[in-house]
Amino acid sequence: MTDFLTKELREGLAQARKLAAKRNARLRVQVGEETYPVLRIWDNGFSLDAEDAPHMRGLVDLYEGGRHKAQCLIIASEEDGDEMRFEYKRATEAHDSAPVDFVREDGAPVALIERLH
């Protein structure tokens, strides 16, 4: 079907698809104060829009909506059409509580409430 469309119309459709993907992206990467919508994500990396994405490397934070999902050490790997691909050197899952250094027993109380006399 794209064989019958003019070059301008094909470029317009490609821009509309890219804009829709940015709007629908729940994942975003934060570098300092700047944020960039993630177009695609896979096991060892993610991709951003090549026009907006800087040639970044180093430590970034990955968010899904408002939730901090991971902290990643990345490198820019390659530009693939309209996408800039980044690969993880390390991806550490973010937790909402600090890890404990002891074993929690099943059924143990969460807090101790003392009696007041």
N, C-alpha and C. Protein backbone atom coordinates (compact mmCIF):
# COMPACT_ATOMS: atom_id res chain seq x y z
N MET A 1 0.82 -1.19 0.00
CA MET A 1 0.00 0.00 0.00
C MET A 1 0.87 1.26 0.00
N THR A 2 2.01 1.23 0.62
CA THR A 2 2.86 2.42 0.69
C THR A 2 3.48 2.74 -0.67
N ASP A 3 3.40 1.81 -1.63
CA ASP A 3 3.94 2.07 -2.96
C ASP A 3 3.14 3.14 -3.69
N PHE A 4 1.88 3.33 -3.31
CA PHE A 4 1.01 4.27 -4.00
C PHE A 4 0.95 5.64 -3.32
N LEU A 5 1.61 5.79 -2.18
CA LEU A 5 1.59 7.05 -1.46
C LEU A 5 2.76 7.93 -1.89
N THR A 6 2.53 9.22 -1.86
CA THR A 6 3.62 10.14 -2.20
C THR A 6 4.64 10.15 -1.06
N LYS A 7 5.83 10.66 -1.38
CA LYS A 7 6.91 10.71 -0.40
C LYS A 7 6.51 11.57 0.80
N GLU A 8 5.88 12.71 0.55
CA GLU A 8 5.46 13.61 1.63
C GLU A 8 4.43 12.95 2.54
N LEU A 9 3.51 12.20 1.96
CA LEU A 9 2.48 11.52 2.74
C LEU A 9 3.09 10.41 3.60
N ARG A 10 4.04 9.65 3.05
CA ARG A 10 4.73 8.62 3.82
C ARG A 10 5.50 9.21 4.99
N GLU A 11 6.18 10.35 4.74
CA GLU A 11 6.92 11.02 5.82
C GLU A 11 5.97 11.54 6.89
N GLY A 12 4.83 12.06 6.47
CA GLY A 12 3.83 12.54 7.43
C GLY A 12 3.28 11.41 8.28
N LEU A 13 3.02 10.26 7.66
CA LEU A 13 2.54 9.10 8.41
C LEU A 13 3.60 8.61 9.40
N ALA A 14 4.85 8.61 8.98
CA ALA A 14 5.93 8.17 9.87
C ALA A 14 6.05 9.12 11.07
N GLN A 15 5.92 10.42 10.84
CA GLN A 15 5.97 11.38 11.94
C GLN A 15 4.78 11.21 12.88
N ALA A 16 3.61 10.94 12.33
CA ALA A 16 2.42 10.74 13.16
C ALA A 16 2.57 9.48 14.02
N ARG A 17 3.14 8.40 13.46
CA ARG A 17 3.37 7.18 14.23
C ARG A 17 4.36 7.43 15.37
N LYS A 18 5.41 8.19 15.07
CA LYS A 18 6.42 8.48 16.08
C LYS A 18 5.83 9.34 17.20
N LEU A 19 5.01 10.32 16.84
CA LEU A 19 4.37 11.17 17.84
C LEU A 19 3.40 10.37 18.71
N ALA A 20 2.65 9.45 18.10
CA ALA A 20 1.72 8.60 18.86
C ALA A 20 2.49 7.68 19.80
N ALA A 21 3.63 7.15 19.36
CA ALA A 21 4.43 6.28 20.23
C ALA A 21 4.97 7.06 21.41
N LYS A 22 5.38 8.31 21.22
CA LYS A 22 5.87 9.13 22.32
C LYS A 22 4.77 9.42 23.33
N ARG A 23 3.58 9.72 22.83
CA ARG A 23 2.47 10.05 23.73
C ARG A 23 2.03 8.85 24.55
N ASN A 24 2.07 7.67 23.94
CA ASN A 24 1.61 6.45 24.61
C ASN A 24 2.69 5.80 25.47
N ALA A 25 3.90 6.33 25.44
CA ALA A 25 5.00 5.72 26.18
C ALA A 25 4.83 5.93 27.67
N ARG A 26 4.73 4.86 28.42
CA ARG A 26 4.66 4.95 29.87
C ARG A 26 6.06 4.95 30.47
N LEU A 27 6.99 4.37 29.74
CA LEU A 27 8.37 4.33 30.22
C LEU A 27 9.10 5.60 29.80
N ARG A 28 9.96 6.08 30.70
CA ARG A 28 10.78 7.24 30.38
C ARG A 28 12.11 7.11 31.08
N VAL A 29 13.10 7.75 30.51
CA VAL A 29 14.45 7.76 31.05
C VAL A 29 14.73 9.17 31.55
N GLN A 30 15.29 9.26 32.75
CA GLN A 30 15.65 10.55 33.31
C GLN A 30 17.16 10.63 33.44
N VAL A 31 17.72 11.69 32.87
CA VAL A 31 19.14 11.97 32.94
C VAL A 31 19.28 13.36 33.55
N GLY A 32 19.68 13.42 34.80
CA GLY A 32 19.72 14.71 35.49
C GLY A 32 18.31 15.26 35.62
N GLU A 33 18.06 16.42 35.04
CA GLU A 33 16.71 17.02 35.06
C GLU A 33 15.92 16.74 33.79
N GLU A 34 16.56 16.19 32.77
CA GLU A 34 15.92 15.92 31.48
C GLU A 34 15.27 14.54 31.47
N THR A 35 14.10 14.43 30.83
CA THR A 35 13.43 13.14 30.66
C THR A 35 13.16 12.90 29.18
N TYR A 36 13.22 11.64 28.78
CA TYR A 36 13.00 11.23 27.40
C TYR A 36 12.08 10.03 27.38
N PRO A 37 11.03 10.02 26.53
CA PRO A 37 10.15 8.86 26.44
C PRO A 37 10.84 7.68 25.77
N VAL A 38 10.64 6.51 26.32
CA VAL A 38 11.22 5.27 25.77
C VAL A 38 10.25 4.72 24.72
N LEU A 39 10.77 4.48 23.53
CA LEU A 39 9.93 3.94 22.45
C LEU A 39 9.78 2.43 22.57
N ARG A 40 10.89 1.73 22.80
CA ARG A 40 10.86 0.27 22.96
C ARG A 40 11.85 -0.12 24.04
N ILE A 41 11.59 -1.29 24.65
CA ILE A 41 12.50 -1.81 25.67
C ILE A 41 12.63 -3.32 25.45
N TRP A 42 13.79 -3.86 25.72
CA TRP A 42 14.04 -5.30 25.61
C TRP A 42 14.95 -5.70 26.77
N ASP A 43 15.36 -6.96 26.82
CA ASP A 43 16.09 -7.50 27.97
C ASP A 43 17.37 -6.74 28.30
N ASN A 44 18.13 -6.35 27.30
CA ASN A 44 19.43 -5.72 27.59
C ASN A 44 19.53 -4.28 27.08
N GLY A 45 18.38 -3.59 26.90
CA GLY A 45 18.44 -2.21 26.47
C GLY A 45 17.10 -1.60 26.16
N PHE A 46 17.15 -0.40 25.57
CA PHE A 46 15.95 0.34 25.20
C PHE A 46 16.29 1.27 24.05
N SER A 47 15.26 1.89 23.46
CA SER A 47 15.50 2.83 22.38
C SER A 47 14.71 4.11 22.63
N LEU A 48 15.28 5.22 22.17
CA LEU A 48 14.67 6.54 22.24
C LEU A 48 14.58 7.10 20.83
N ASP A 49 13.82 8.17 20.66
CA ASP A 49 13.73 8.85 19.38
C ASP A 49 15.10 9.45 19.07
N ALA A 50 15.62 9.18 17.89
CA ALA A 50 16.97 9.62 17.53
C ALA A 50 17.07 11.14 17.46
N GLU A 51 15.99 11.84 17.12
CA GLU A 51 16.03 13.30 17.03
C GLU A 51 16.18 13.94 18.40
N ASP A 52 15.50 13.39 19.40
CA ASP A 52 15.48 14.00 20.73
C ASP A 52 16.58 13.48 21.64
N ALA A 53 17.02 12.26 21.41
CA ALA A 53 17.94 11.62 22.34
C ALA A 53 19.36 12.14 22.17
N PRO A 54 19.98 12.52 23.27
CA PRO A 54 21.39 12.88 23.17
C PRO A 54 22.23 11.61 23.07
N HIS A 55 23.46 11.76 22.67
CA HIS A 55 24.37 10.61 22.62
C HIS A 55 24.88 10.40 24.04
N MET A 56 24.04 9.78 24.88
CA MET A 56 24.35 9.70 26.30
C MET A 56 24.95 8.37 26.68
N ARG A 57 25.65 8.40 27.80
CA ARG A 57 26.19 7.21 28.43
C ARG A 57 26.33 7.52 29.90
N GLY A 58 26.33 6.49 30.71
CA GLY A 58 26.47 6.69 32.14
C GLY A 58 25.23 6.23 32.88
N LEU A 59 25.00 6.84 34.03
CA LEU A 59 23.93 6.43 34.93
C LEU A 59 22.63 7.17 34.62
N VAL A 60 21.54 6.43 34.40
CA VAL A 60 20.23 7.00 34.14
C VAL A 60 19.20 6.29 35.02
N ASP A 61 18.06 6.92 35.20
CA ASP A 61 16.95 6.32 35.95
C ASP A 61 15.83 6.00 34.99
N LEU A 62 15.25 4.81 35.12
CA LEU A 62 14.16 4.35 34.27
C LEU A 62 12.88 4.38 35.09
N TYR A 63 11.86 5.07 34.59
CA TYR A 63 10.58 5.21 35.28
C TYR A 63 9.47 4.62 34.44
N GLU A 64 8.49 4.01 35.11
CA GLU A 64 7.26 3.54 34.47
C GLU A 64 6.14 4.33 35.11
N GLY A 65 5.62 5.31 34.37
CA GLY A 65 4.66 6.23 34.96
C GLY A 65 5.39 7.06 36.02
N GLY A 66 4.90 7.02 37.25
CA GLY A 66 5.56 7.73 38.33
C GLY A 66 6.43 6.85 39.19
N ARG A 67 6.50 5.56 38.88
CA ARG A 67 7.23 4.60 39.70
C ARG A 67 8.66 4.42 39.19
N HIS A 68 9.63 4.55 40.10
CA HIS A 68 11.03 4.34 39.75
C HIS A 68 11.24 2.85 39.55
N LYS A 69 11.57 2.46 38.33
CA LYS A 69 11.68 1.04 38.00
C LYS A 69 13.10 0.51 38.16
N ALA A 70 14.10 1.27 37.69
CA ALA A 70 15.48 0.79 37.74
C ALA A 70 16.46 1.93 37.58
N GLN A 71 17.67 1.67 38.04
CA GLN A 71 18.78 2.57 37.80
C GLN A 71 19.74 1.81 36.89
N CYS A 72 20.12 2.43 35.77
CA CYS A 72 20.85 1.71 34.74
C CYS A 72 22.14 2.45 34.36
N LEU A 73 23.17 1.67 34.13
CA LEU A 73 24.40 2.18 33.56
C LEU A 73 24.34 1.81 32.09
N ILE A 74 24.36 2.81 31.20
CA ILE A 74 24.11 2.55 29.78
C ILE A 74 25.23 3.08 28.90
N ILE A 75 25.23 2.57 27.67
CA ILE A 75 26.06 3.12 26.59
C ILE A 75 25.18 3.20 25.35
N ALA A 76 25.44 4.19 24.50
CA ALA A 76 24.73 4.29 23.23
C ALA A 76 25.34 3.25 22.29
N SER A 77 24.49 2.41 21.71
CA SER A 77 25.05 1.34 20.88
C SER A 77 24.99 1.67 19.40
N GLU A 78 23.82 2.05 18.89
CA GLU A 78 23.71 2.32 17.46
C GLU A 78 22.45 3.10 17.15
N GLU A 79 22.45 3.75 16.00
CA GLU A 79 21.26 4.43 15.51
C GLU A 79 20.63 3.53 14.47
N ASP A 80 19.33 3.26 14.63
CA ASP A 80 18.61 2.37 13.73
C ASP A 80 17.41 3.11 13.19
N GLY A 81 17.55 3.73 12.04
CA GLY A 81 16.46 4.50 11.46
C GLY A 81 16.15 5.72 12.32
N ASP A 82 14.94 5.78 12.84
CA ASP A 82 14.52 6.91 13.68
C ASP A 82 14.79 6.67 15.16
N GLU A 83 15.39 5.53 15.50
CA GLU A 83 15.63 5.19 16.90
C GLU A 83 17.11 5.20 17.23
N MET A 84 17.42 5.62 18.45
CA MET A 84 18.78 5.49 19.00
C MET A 84 18.70 4.39 20.04
N ARG A 85 19.50 3.36 19.88
CA ARG A 85 19.49 2.22 20.80
C ARG A 85 20.55 2.40 21.88
N PHE A 86 20.19 2.00 23.08
CA PHE A 86 21.09 2.05 24.23
C PHE A 86 21.11 0.67 24.86
N GLU A 87 22.27 0.25 25.32
CA GLU A 87 22.41 -1.06 25.96
C GLU A 87 22.81 -0.88 27.41
N TYR A 88 22.32 -1.79 28.25
CA TYR A 88 22.66 -1.76 29.67
C TYR A 88 24.03 -2.40 29.88
N LYS A 89 24.86 -1.73 30.65
CA LYS A 89 26.05 -2.40 31.18
C LYS A 89 25.67 -2.99 32.53
N ARG A 90 24.73 -2.29 33.21
CA ARG A 90 24.20 -2.76 34.49
C ARG A 90 22.81 -2.17 34.64
N ALA A 91 21.87 -2.97 35.13
CA ALA A 91 20.52 -2.48 35.43
C ALA A 91 20.14 -3.01 36.80
N THR A 92 19.97 -2.10 37.76
CA THR A 92 19.63 -2.48 39.13
C THR A 92 18.18 -2.10 39.40
N GLU A 93 17.38 -3.09 39.75
CA GLU A 93 15.97 -2.86 40.03
C GLU A 93 15.82 -1.97 41.27
N ALA A 94 14.94 -0.99 41.17
CA ALA A 94 14.70 -0.09 42.30
C ALA A 94 13.68 -0.71 43.25
N HIS A 95 13.90 -0.55 44.54
CA HIS A 95 13.00 -1.08 45.56
C HIS A 95 12.41 0.08 46.35
N ASP A 96 11.21 -0.13 46.88
CA ASP A 96 10.58 0.93 47.66
C ASP A 96 10.91 0.84 49.15
N SER A 97 11.68 -0.15 49.55
CA SER A 97 12.11 -0.25 50.95
C SER A 97 13.55 -0.76 50.98
N ALA A 98 14.23 -0.45 52.05
CA ALA A 98 15.63 -0.87 52.19
C ALA A 98 15.70 -2.37 52.47
N PRO A 99 16.74 -3.03 51.98
CA PRO A 99 16.89 -4.45 52.27
C PRO A 99 17.22 -4.65 53.75
N VAL A 100 16.80 -5.79 54.31
CA VAL A 100 17.07 -6.09 55.71
C VAL A 100 18.26 -7.05 55.79
N ASP A 101 18.96 -7.02 56.92
CA ASP A 101 20.13 -7.88 57.07
C ASP A 101 19.86 -9.02 58.05
N PHE A 102 18.59 -9.44 58.12
CA PHE A 102 18.22 -10.55 58.98
C PHE A 102 17.05 -11.29 58.33
N VAL A 103 16.80 -12.50 58.81
CA VAL A 103 15.71 -13.31 58.27
C VAL A 103 14.43 -12.96 59.01
N ARG A 104 13.40 -12.66 58.26
CA ARG A 104 12.09 -12.40 58.86
C ARG A 104 11.34 -13.71 58.97
N GLU A 105 10.85 -13.98 60.16
CA GLU A 105 10.06 -15.20 60.38
C GLU A 105 8.66 -15.01 59.81
N ASP A 106 8.09 -16.08 59.27
CA ASP A 106 6.72 -16.02 58.79
C ASP A 106 5.79 -15.84 59.98
N GLY A 107 4.87 -14.92 59.86
CA GLY A 107 3.90 -14.68 60.92
C GLY A 107 4.43 -13.82 62.05
N ALA A 108 5.63 -13.29 61.93
CA ALA A 108 6.19 -12.43 62.98
C ALA A 108 5.45 -11.09 62.97
N PRO A 109 5.29 -10.47 64.15
CA PRO A 109 4.60 -9.17 64.19
C PRO A 109 5.41 -8.10 63.46
N VAL A 110 4.70 -7.16 62.89
CA VAL A 110 5.34 -6.09 62.15
C VAL A 110 5.90 -5.05 63.11
N ALA A 111 5.18 -4.80 64.21
CA ALA A 111 5.63 -3.82 65.20
C ALA A 111 5.27 -4.33 66.57
N LEU A 112 5.92 -3.80 67.58
CA LEU A 112 5.67 -4.19 68.95
C LEU A 112 4.88 -3.07 69.64
N ILE A 113 3.71 -3.42 70.16
CA ILE A 113 2.89 -2.46 70.89
C ILE A 113 2.96 -2.84 72.37
N GLU A 114 3.51 -1.96 73.17
CA GLU A 114 3.63 -2.23 74.61
C GLU A 114 2.38 -1.77 75.33
N ARG A 115 2.13 -2.39 76.47
CA ARG A 115 0.99 -2.00 77.30
C ARG A 115 1.34 -0.76 78.10
N LEU A 116 0.41 0.12 78.20
CA LEU A 116 0.59 1.31 79.03
C LEU A 116 -0.10 1.07 80.36
N HIS A 117 0.58 1.28 81.48
CA HIS A 117 -0.01 1.06 82.81
C HIS A 117 -0.37 2.34 83.45
